[in-house]
Amino acid sequence: MRRRNISLFFLINLFLFSFYSCAPTKEGTTFIVVSDTHYLTKEYMNDPLRNYDEDPIATDGKTVQYNRELFNELLNKVKKEKPTYFIVTGDISYNGDYKSHVEIASKLQEIKEEGIIPLVIPGNHDTEIENPRDYSSKQYPSVKNTTIEEFEEIYQEFGYKDALYRDSNSLSYIVETSNDEWLFMMDTTTNRYNYEFGENFVYGKIFSLPWLEEKLMEATKKGKKIISFSHHSMVSHNPLYDTSFLVSNYKDVQKLYKKYNVKINFSGHLHIQHIAQEEELYDICSSSLLDYGNRYGKVIVQGNKLTYNSKTIDFKMEDGSSFSDYSFTLFNNMYLNKRIRDDMSEEEKEIVRLQALVNTYYFDGSTYLHKNLKKRNEYQKLMENAYFQEIDKSFSSNHHKVKISL
């Protein structure tokens, strides 16, 4: 009789443990979302006499020199804030080399051991890259890349192994949270064609629309809240760049998302901190961790309310100065160095300086904080350029925060 009571007690407690571990939490679901971390192992940057931010490999304003410091600072913030999930929406590595991916996975394992769930999806810089390089010497020798199969193997513990559903035609998968959310982790890369066509493709597409609709239908029938993640955007952020940065079949995806009441997608790839909306669908594009602003997003889902806020990473450099100041100067000077010429008049140079400032704040998503720039005499000259006409629209919106109903 005593043996039966012990067994009954064990079964009751097992049931209660299972119930409460799957039950919704009062705190809701929290995420830290980041994109385009472009991590590069120190092994491929081990020339201590070089500043890689002055190197020809870094010509777009993002820091290469401090890529690991930023990633480590981000992970420290993740450990401190303890979100439910830590999500990287692609371009995890600098250029798809195998060793960097393995190194990143070891760091994500540290996060997982703290009770935080890392989830990743690939970007166009992560798999099947032709000739990733070792930048330690000026010869830039090729190193081993990462195949699609190896990517899944390396990150098996960070989404793929424990997925509720997997797509057999891509690296897309679905995760179910304890609060009745389904996280659609969508692989939008076209890297599978890199070797066939002899180039590293940057554009995006969803290859498994039937699978996507089947799972959206199931989630809807079960009353789940749907949150979507991808590397390429599902909504246009800047029509000048739609060809390479918006999924090519975005109209089909938008129809599905409208049909099944999907309200939010988190993306990256553009390196611009920007929130776009098409009807009821929001696309929150996270800027690159390595570009000025050096941002990540904090997301809280309580019931059917989702709140997003972007946050910046800053730290003291060896000389005691602010990394944020360094990052600003690096990005701003990238624009100036490409466009200012000695034969320009001072008036022409001043226009370029204003362009650089506006462009820098645009990538940081903070133009709305700098409306005084529009009062400058040179600003009307900027409006002769289609790119700055698009940027001008961003002055009226806060791209750092939004609150929506799922």
Protein backbone atom coordinates (compact mmCIF):
# COMPACT_ATOMS: atom_id res chain seq x y z
CA MET A 1 0.00 0.00 0.00
CA ARG A 2 2.82 2.35 0.89
CA ARG A 3 4.51 1.54 -2.43
CA ARG A 4 1.31 2.42 -4.34
CA ASN A 5 1.05 5.77 -2.49
CA ILE A 6 4.65 6.64 -3.39
CA SER A 7 4.00 5.84 -7.06
CA LEU A 8 0.79 7.88 -7.02
CA PHE A 9 2.60 10.79 -5.39
CA PHE A 10 5.33 10.60 -8.06
CA LEU A 11 2.79 10.58 -10.92
CA ILE A 12 0.84 13.53 -9.50
CA ASN A 13 4.01 15.59 -9.15
CA LEU A 14 5.17 14.63 -12.63
CA PHE A 15 1.81 15.76 -14.02
CA LEU A 16 1.97 19.07 -12.12
CA PHE A 17 5.52 19.68 -13.30
CA SER A 18 4.53 19.06 -16.92
CA PHE A 19 1.44 21.25 -16.59
CA TYR A 20 3.23 24.22 -15.11
CA SER A 21 6.25 23.97 -17.45
CA CYS A 22 3.87 24.21 -20.44
CA ALA A 23 1.43 26.67 -18.87
CA PRO A 24 1.40 30.30 -19.97
CA THR A 25 3.61 32.59 -17.91
CA LYS A 26 2.28 35.80 -16.38
CA GLU A 27 5.43 37.64 -17.47
CA GLY A 28 4.69 36.94 -21.13
CA THR A 29 7.30 36.10 -23.74
CA THR A 30 10.39 38.28 -24.13
CA PHE A 31 12.83 38.39 -27.02
CA ILE A 32 16.09 40.06 -27.80
CA VAL A 33 16.35 40.33 -31.59
CA VAL A 34 19.49 41.24 -33.51
CA SER A 35 20.59 40.98 -37.12
CA ASP A 36 23.71 41.13 -39.26
CA THR A 37 26.22 40.51 -36.49
CA HIS A 38 28.84 39.63 -39.14
CA TYR A 39 31.05 37.84 -36.64
CA LEU A 40 34.61 37.03 -37.74
CA THR A 41 36.89 34.80 -35.69
CA LYS A 42 40.07 36.42 -34.38
CA GLU A 43 42.04 33.68 -36.12
CA TYR A 44 41.28 35.40 -39.43
CA MET A 45 42.12 38.88 -38.09
CA ASN A 46 45.27 38.22 -36.12
CA ASP A 47 47.52 41.01 -37.38
CA PRO A 48 47.85 43.21 -34.25
CA LEU A 49 49.45 46.05 -36.24
CA ARG A 50 46.44 46.61 -38.48
CA ASN A 51 43.26 48.54 -37.88
CA TYR A 52 40.83 46.52 -39.97
CA ASP A 53 38.41 49.43 -40.11
CA GLU A 54 40.96 51.19 -42.31
CA ASP A 55 41.35 48.11 -44.51
CA PRO A 56 39.81 47.67 -47.97
CA ILE A 57 37.63 44.86 -46.54
CA ALA A 58 35.70 47.49 -44.53
CA THR A 59 34.33 50.01 -46.99
CA ASP A 60 30.67 50.23 -46.01
CA GLY A 61 30.92 51.91 -42.62
CA LYS A 62 30.44 48.89 -40.39
CA THR A 63 33.18 48.11 -37.92
CA VAL A 64 35.19 44.97 -38.58
CA GLN A 65 37.80 45.75 -35.95
CA TYR A 66 35.31 45.55 -33.08
CA ASN A 67 32.94 42.87 -34.36
CA ARG A 68 33.75 40.40 -31.57
CA GLU A 69 33.70 43.03 -28.83
CA LEU A 70 30.20 44.09 -29.92
CA PHE A 71 28.98 40.50 -30.07
CA ASN A 72 30.36 39.80 -26.58
CA GLU A 73 28.84 43.01 -25.20
CA LEU A 74 25.52 41.97 -26.70
CA LEU A 75 25.71 38.55 -25.09
CA ASN A 76 26.48 40.18 -21.73
CA LYS A 77 23.30 42.24 -22.09
CA VAL A 78 21.34 39.12 -23.02
CA LYS A 79 22.61 37.32 -19.92
CA LYS A 80 21.71 40.31 -17.76
CA GLU A 81 18.23 40.91 -19.22
CA LYS A 82 17.39 37.18 -19.40
CA PRO A 83 14.81 37.18 -22.22
CA THR A 84 12.92 34.02 -23.08
CA TYR A 85 14.55 33.95 -26.51
CA PHE A 86 17.64 35.41 -28.16
CA ILE A 87 17.08 35.57 -31.93
CA VAL A 88 19.56 36.33 -34.73
CA THR A 89 17.89 36.97 -38.08
CA GLY A 90 20.76 36.07 -40.35
CA ASP A 91 24.18 37.23 -41.54
CA ILE A 92 25.48 35.80 -38.31
CA SER A 93 28.98 35.50 -39.75
CA TYR A 94 31.12 37.99 -41.64
CA ASN A 95 31.28 35.90 -44.79
CA GLY A 96 30.26 32.35 -44.08
CA ASP A 97 33.51 30.77 -42.95
CA TYR A 98 33.16 27.54 -40.99
CA LYS A 99 35.34 28.45 -37.99
CA SER A 100 33.43 31.64 -37.23
CA HIS A 101 30.13 29.74 -37.19
CA VAL A 102 31.54 27.12 -34.82
CA GLU A 103 32.85 29.87 -32.54
CA ILE A 104 29.47 31.64 -32.53
CA ALA A 105 27.69 28.38 -31.68
CA SER A 106 29.93 27.91 -28.64
CA LYS A 107 28.95 31.39 -27.43
CA LEU A 108 25.25 30.66 -27.98
CA GLN A 109 25.67 27.51 -25.90
CA GLU A 110 26.71 29.72 -22.98
CA ILE A 111 23.45 31.65 -23.39
CA LYS A 112 21.47 28.42 -23.47
CA GLU A 113 23.10 27.23 -20.25
CA GLU A 114 21.72 30.39 -18.59
CA GLY A 115 18.16 29.27 -19.42
CA ILE A 116 17.78 31.53 -22.48
CA ILE A 117 16.77 29.94 -25.79
CA PRO A 118 18.86 31.06 -28.80
CA LEU A 119 17.22 30.77 -32.23
CA VAL A 120 18.94 31.47 -35.55
CA ILE A 121 18.14 31.61 -39.25
CA PRO A 122 20.67 32.05 -42.05
CA GLY A 123 21.36 35.18 -44.06
CA ASN A 124 22.98 35.55 -47.44
CA HIS A 125 26.44 35.80 -45.79
CA ASP A 126 26.16 32.51 -43.89
CA THR A 127 26.12 29.49 -46.23
CA GLU A 128 27.60 28.31 -49.54
CA ILE A 129 29.80 31.40 -49.85
CA GLU A 130 32.40 31.17 -52.57
CA ASN A 131 35.89 31.72 -51.13
CA PRO A 132 35.49 33.25 -47.66
CA ARG A 133 38.84 34.74 -46.65
CA ASP A 134 41.44 34.85 -43.92
CA TYR A 135 42.22 38.55 -43.47
CA SER A 136 45.30 38.08 -41.31
CA SER A 137 47.62 38.78 -44.24
CA LYS A 138 47.28 40.93 -47.35
CA GLN A 139 47.20 37.76 -49.45
CA TYR A 140 43.69 36.99 -48.15
CA PRO A 141 43.82 33.20 -48.64
CA SER A 142 40.55 31.30 -49.03
CA VAL A 143 39.28 29.27 -46.07
CA LYS A 144 36.62 26.63 -45.60
CA ASN A 145 33.07 27.82 -46.09
CA THR A 146 29.87 26.49 -44.47
CA THR A 147 27.43 24.39 -46.43
CA ILE A 148 23.68 24.51 -45.82
CA GLU A 149 23.89 21.08 -44.19
CA GLU A 150 26.76 22.17 -41.95
CA PHE A 151 24.88 25.29 -40.90
CA GLU A 152 21.98 23.15 -39.69
CA GLU A 153 24.39 20.81 -37.90
CA ILE A 154 26.33 23.62 -36.19
CA TYR A 155 23.14 25.33 -34.98
CA GLN A 156 21.20 22.16 -34.25
CA GLU A 157 20.76 23.15 -30.61
CA PHE A 158 19.50 26.62 -31.48
CA GLY A 159 16.17 25.99 -33.13
CA TYR A 160 16.46 23.05 -35.46
CA LYS A 161 16.51 20.07 -33.11
CA ASP A 162 13.60 21.18 -30.94
CA ALA A 163 11.45 22.75 -33.68
CA LEU A 164 7.75 22.02 -33.66
CA TYR A 165 7.91 21.77 -37.47
CA ARG A 166 10.69 21.77 -40.06
CA ASP A 167 10.45 22.61 -43.74
CA SER A 168 12.08 19.90 -45.86
CA ASN A 169 12.92 22.36 -48.67
CA SER A 170 14.76 25.02 -46.69
CA LEU A 171 16.15 25.94 -43.28
CA SER A 172 12.76 27.30 -42.15
CA TYR A 173 11.22 25.99 -38.94
CA ILE A 174 8.58 26.78 -36.33
CA VAL A 175 8.97 27.07 -32.56
CA GLU A 176 6.07 27.04 -30.11
CA THR A 177 6.36 29.14 -26.97
CA SER A 178 4.68 28.45 -23.63
CA ASN A 179 2.38 31.44 -24.26
CA ASP A 180 0.61 30.12 -27.37
CA GLU A 181 2.85 31.89 -29.87
CA TRP A 182 4.23 30.20 -32.95
CA LEU A 183 7.52 31.66 -34.11
CA PHE A 184 7.88 31.24 -37.86
CA MET A 185 11.65 31.24 -38.47
CA MET A 186 11.73 31.72 -42.24
CA ASP A 187 14.77 30.95 -44.37
CA THR A 188 14.70 33.49 -47.23
CA THR A 189 18.19 32.90 -48.64
CA THR A 190 18.93 31.85 -52.22
CA ASN A 191 22.46 30.64 -51.46
CA ARG A 192 21.64 27.19 -52.80
CA TYR A 193 22.31 28.65 -56.26
CA ASN A 194 25.67 30.29 -55.47
CA TYR A 195 27.87 27.59 -56.95
CA GLU A 196 25.57 26.81 -59.85
CA PHE A 197 25.71 30.41 -61.08
CA GLY A 198 29.16 31.32 -59.78
CA GLU A 199 28.18 34.25 -57.57
CA ASN A 200 27.12 34.94 -53.99
CA PHE A 201 23.44 35.82 -54.27
CA VAL A 202 22.04 38.53 -52.01
CA TYR A 203 18.37 38.51 -52.99
CA GLY A 204 15.69 36.60 -51.07
CA LYS A 205 12.73 34.36 -51.68
CA ILE A 206 10.48 31.99 -49.73
CA PHE A 207 10.65 28.66 -51.53
CA SER A 208 8.01 26.80 -49.52
CA LEU A 209 4.79 28.77 -49.82
CA PRO A 210 2.57 25.61 -49.61
CA TRP A 211 4.33 24.57 -46.38
CA LEU A 212 4.02 28.12 -45.04
CA GLU A 213 0.29 28.28 -45.75
CA GLU A 214 -0.32 24.83 -44.28
CA LYS A 215 1.33 25.83 -41.01
CA LEU A 216 -0.30 29.27 -40.93
CA MET A 217 -3.68 27.58 -41.33
CA GLU A 218 -2.93 25.14 -38.51
CA ALA A 219 -1.71 27.91 -36.20
CA THR A 220 -4.84 29.94 -36.89
CA LYS A 221 -7.17 27.00 -36.27
CA LYS A 222 -5.44 26.35 -32.95
CA GLY A 223 -5.71 29.99 -31.90
CA LYS A 224 -1.96 30.61 -31.83
CA LYS A 225 -0.41 34.06 -32.11
CA ILE A 226 1.97 34.16 -35.08
CA ILE A 227 5.28 36.04 -35.06
CA SER A 228 7.44 35.88 -38.15
CA PHE A 229 11.22 36.24 -38.54
CA SER A 230 13.29 36.40 -41.73
CA HIS A 231 16.54 37.83 -43.07
CA HIS A 232 15.02 39.60 -46.06
CA SER A 233 12.08 41.94 -45.55
CA MET A 234 8.43 41.08 -46.18
CA VAL A 235 7.48 44.76 -46.60
CA SER A 236 9.30 47.44 -48.62
CA HIS A 237 11.49 49.74 -46.52
CA ASN A 238 13.03 51.63 -49.42
CA PRO A 239 11.75 51.00 -52.97
CA LEU A 240 15.19 51.81 -54.39
CA TYR A 241 16.51 48.58 -52.86
CA ASP A 242 13.55 46.22 -53.12
CA THR A 243 15.17 43.96 -55.72
CA SER A 244 17.91 42.75 -53.38
CA PHE A 245 16.39 43.31 -49.95
CA LEU A 246 12.69 42.41 -50.23
CA VAL A 247 11.71 38.77 -50.81
CA SER A 248 10.97 38.42 -54.51
CA ASN A 249 7.58 36.79 -53.89
CA TYR A 250 6.57 39.31 -51.23
CA LYS A 251 3.12 39.83 -52.72
CA ASP A 252 2.29 36.14 -52.25
CA VAL A 253 3.66 36.23 -48.70
CA GLN A 254 1.71 39.38 -47.85
CA LYS A 255 -1.51 37.76 -49.12
CA LEU A 256 -0.91 34.75 -46.87
CA TYR A 257 -0.05 36.90 -43.88
CA LYS A 258 -3.18 38.98 -44.42
CA LYS A 259 -5.33 35.86 -44.81
CA TYR A 260 -4.04 34.38 -41.55
CA ASN A 261 -3.86 37.65 -39.61
CA VAL A 262 -0.07 37.84 -39.27
CA LYS A 263 0.77 41.33 -38.03
CA ILE A 264 4.53 41.33 -37.52
CA ASN A 265 7.77 40.22 -39.16
CA PHE A 266 11.31 40.88 -37.92
CA SER A 267 13.98 41.19 -40.60
CA GLY A 268 17.49 42.51 -41.24
CA HIS A 269 19.77 42.56 -44.30
CA LEU A 270 19.28 46.28 -45.09
CA HIS A 271 21.50 47.38 -42.16
CA ILE A 272 18.94 50.15 -41.56
CA GLN A 273 16.97 50.51 -38.32
CA HIS A 274 13.55 50.96 -39.86
CA ILE A 275 9.90 50.06 -39.28
CA ALA A 276 7.70 49.69 -42.38
CA GLN A 277 4.00 48.90 -42.66
CA GLU A 278 1.84 47.52 -45.47
CA GLU A 279 -1.82 47.56 -44.46
CA GLU A 280 -1.79 45.73 -41.08
CA LEU A 281 1.58 43.99 -41.55
CA TYR A 282 4.59 45.56 -39.82
CA ASP A 283 8.15 44.68 -40.79
CA ILE A 284 10.76 45.69 -38.22
CA CYS A 285 14.18 45.77 -39.85
CA SER A 286 17.02 45.57 -37.35
CA SER A 287 20.11 47.51 -38.34
CA SER A 288 23.43 45.68 -38.37
CA LEU A 289 25.04 45.28 -34.98
CA LEU A 290 28.24 46.63 -36.56
CA ASP A 291 26.81 49.84 -38.05
CA TYR A 292 26.47 53.11 -36.16
CA GLY A 293 23.77 52.81 -33.54
CA ASN A 294 24.99 49.25 -32.94
CA ARG A 295 21.47 48.20 -32.11
CA TYR A 296 19.43 45.25 -30.96
CA GLY A 297 15.70 45.02 -30.23
CA LYS A 298 13.86 44.20 -27.03
CA VAL A 299 10.42 42.63 -27.60
CA ILE A 300 7.76 41.91 -24.98
CA VAL A 301 4.59 39.98 -25.80
CA GLN A 302 1.86 40.20 -23.17
CA GLY A 303 -1.40 38.57 -24.25
CA ASN A 304 -2.07 39.89 -27.74
CA LYS A 305 0.06 43.05 -27.29
CA LEU A 306 3.58 43.23 -28.69
CA THR A 307 5.95 46.04 -27.70
CA TYR A 308 9.24 46.66 -29.48
CA ASN A 309 12.07 48.99 -28.46
CA SER A 310 15.51 49.22 -30.04
CA LYS A 311 18.52 49.66 -27.80
CA THR A 312 22.10 50.67 -28.47
CA ILE A 313 25.37 49.11 -27.34
CA ASP A 314 28.20 51.31 -26.14
CA PHE A 315 31.36 50.68 -24.15
CA LYS A 316 34.60 52.38 -23.18
CA MET A 317 37.48 51.81 -25.56
CA GLU A 318 41.08 51.31 -24.47
CA ASP A 319 41.78 55.05 -24.57
CA GLY A 320 38.69 55.76 -22.45
CA SER A 321 36.64 57.17 -25.32
CA SER A 322 33.12 56.07 -26.22
CA PHE A 323 32.75 53.35 -28.83
CA SER A 324 29.53 55.03 -29.96
CA ASP A 325 31.50 58.15 -30.93
CA TYR A 326 34.01 56.00 -32.80
CA SER A 327 31.20 54.15 -34.59
CA PHE A 328 29.53 57.42 -35.61
CA THR A 329 32.77 58.84 -37.01
CA LEU A 330 33.57 55.63 -38.87
CA PHE A 331 30.17 55.48 -40.56
CA ASN A 332 29.99 59.20 -41.32
CA ASN A 333 33.52 59.27 -42.75
CA MET A 334 32.75 56.27 -44.95
CA TYR A 335 30.27 58.43 -46.83
CA LEU A 336 32.52 61.50 -46.91
CA ASN A 337 35.60 59.63 -48.12
CA LYS A 338 33.70 58.21 -51.07
CA ARG A 339 32.15 61.48 -52.20
CA ILE A 340 34.22 64.52 -51.23
CA ARG A 341 36.80 65.53 -53.83
CA ASP A 342 39.55 68.11 -53.68
CA ASP A 343 38.22 69.88 -56.76
CA MET A 344 34.83 70.57 -55.12
CA SER A 345 33.83 74.03 -54.01
CA GLU A 346 33.28 74.62 -50.30
CA GLU A 347 29.54 74.83 -50.96
CA GLU A 348 29.56 71.44 -52.69
CA LYS A 349 31.55 69.93 -49.83
CA GLU A 350 29.05 71.28 -47.32
CA ILE A 351 26.23 69.55 -49.19
CA VAL A 352 28.13 66.26 -49.03
CA ARG A 353 28.75 66.74 -45.30
CA LEU A 354 25.01 67.21 -44.79
CA GLN A 355 24.29 64.13 -46.91
CA ALA A 356 26.67 62.13 -44.72
CA LEU A 357 24.97 63.28 -41.52
CA VAL A 358 21.45 62.56 -42.78
CA ASN A 359 22.52 59.16 -44.11
CA THR A 360 24.16 58.24 -40.80
CA TYR A 361 21.05 59.09 -38.80
CA TYR A 362 18.91 57.27 -41.36
CA PHE A 363 20.80 54.01 -40.81
CA ASP A 364 20.44 54.48 -37.05
CA GLY A 365 16.69 55.07 -37.42
CA SER A 366 17.01 58.39 -35.59
CA THR A 367 16.34 61.02 -38.25
CA TYR A 368 13.20 62.01 -36.32
CA LEU A 369 15.49 63.31 -33.57
CA HIS A 370 17.38 65.56 -36.00
CA LYS A 371 14.66 67.53 -37.78
CA ASN A 372 16.80 70.65 -37.42
CA LEU A 373 18.89 69.33 -40.32
CA LYS A 374 15.98 70.03 -42.66
CA LYS A 375 16.27 73.74 -41.85
CA ARG A 376 19.75 74.02 -43.32
CA ASN A 377 20.09 75.86 -46.62
CA GLU A 378 21.74 72.88 -48.27
CA TYR A 379 18.88 70.51 -47.49
CA GLN A 380 16.85 71.40 -50.60
CA LYS A 381 19.81 70.29 -52.71
CA LEU A 382 19.46 66.84 -51.14
CA MET A 383 15.90 66.63 -52.43
CA GLU A 384 17.24 66.54 -55.99
CA ASN A 385 18.44 63.02 -55.23
CA ALA A 386 15.93 60.09 -55.23
CA TYR A 387 17.75 58.36 -52.36
CA PHE A 388 17.43 61.38 -50.08
CA GLN A 389 13.83 61.86 -51.12
CA GLU A 390 13.18 58.43 -49.59
CA ILE A 391 15.19 59.29 -46.47
CA ASP A 392 13.18 62.48 -46.08
CA LYS A 393 10.10 60.37 -45.31
CA SER A 394 11.82 58.89 -42.25
CA PHE A 395 11.99 62.24 -40.43
CA SER A 396 8.33 61.91 -39.45
CA SER A 397 8.54 58.46 -37.83
CA ASN A 398 10.12 56.91 -34.76
CA HIS A 399 11.84 53.74 -35.98
CA HIS A 400 12.99 52.70 -32.52
CA LYS A 401 9.69 51.67 -30.99
CA VAL A 402 6.23 50.37 -31.86
CA LYS A 403 3.33 48.69 -30.10
CA ILE A 404 0.88 46.49 -32.01
CA SER A 405 -1.93 44.02 -31.42
CA LEU A 406 -1.29 40.50 -32.68
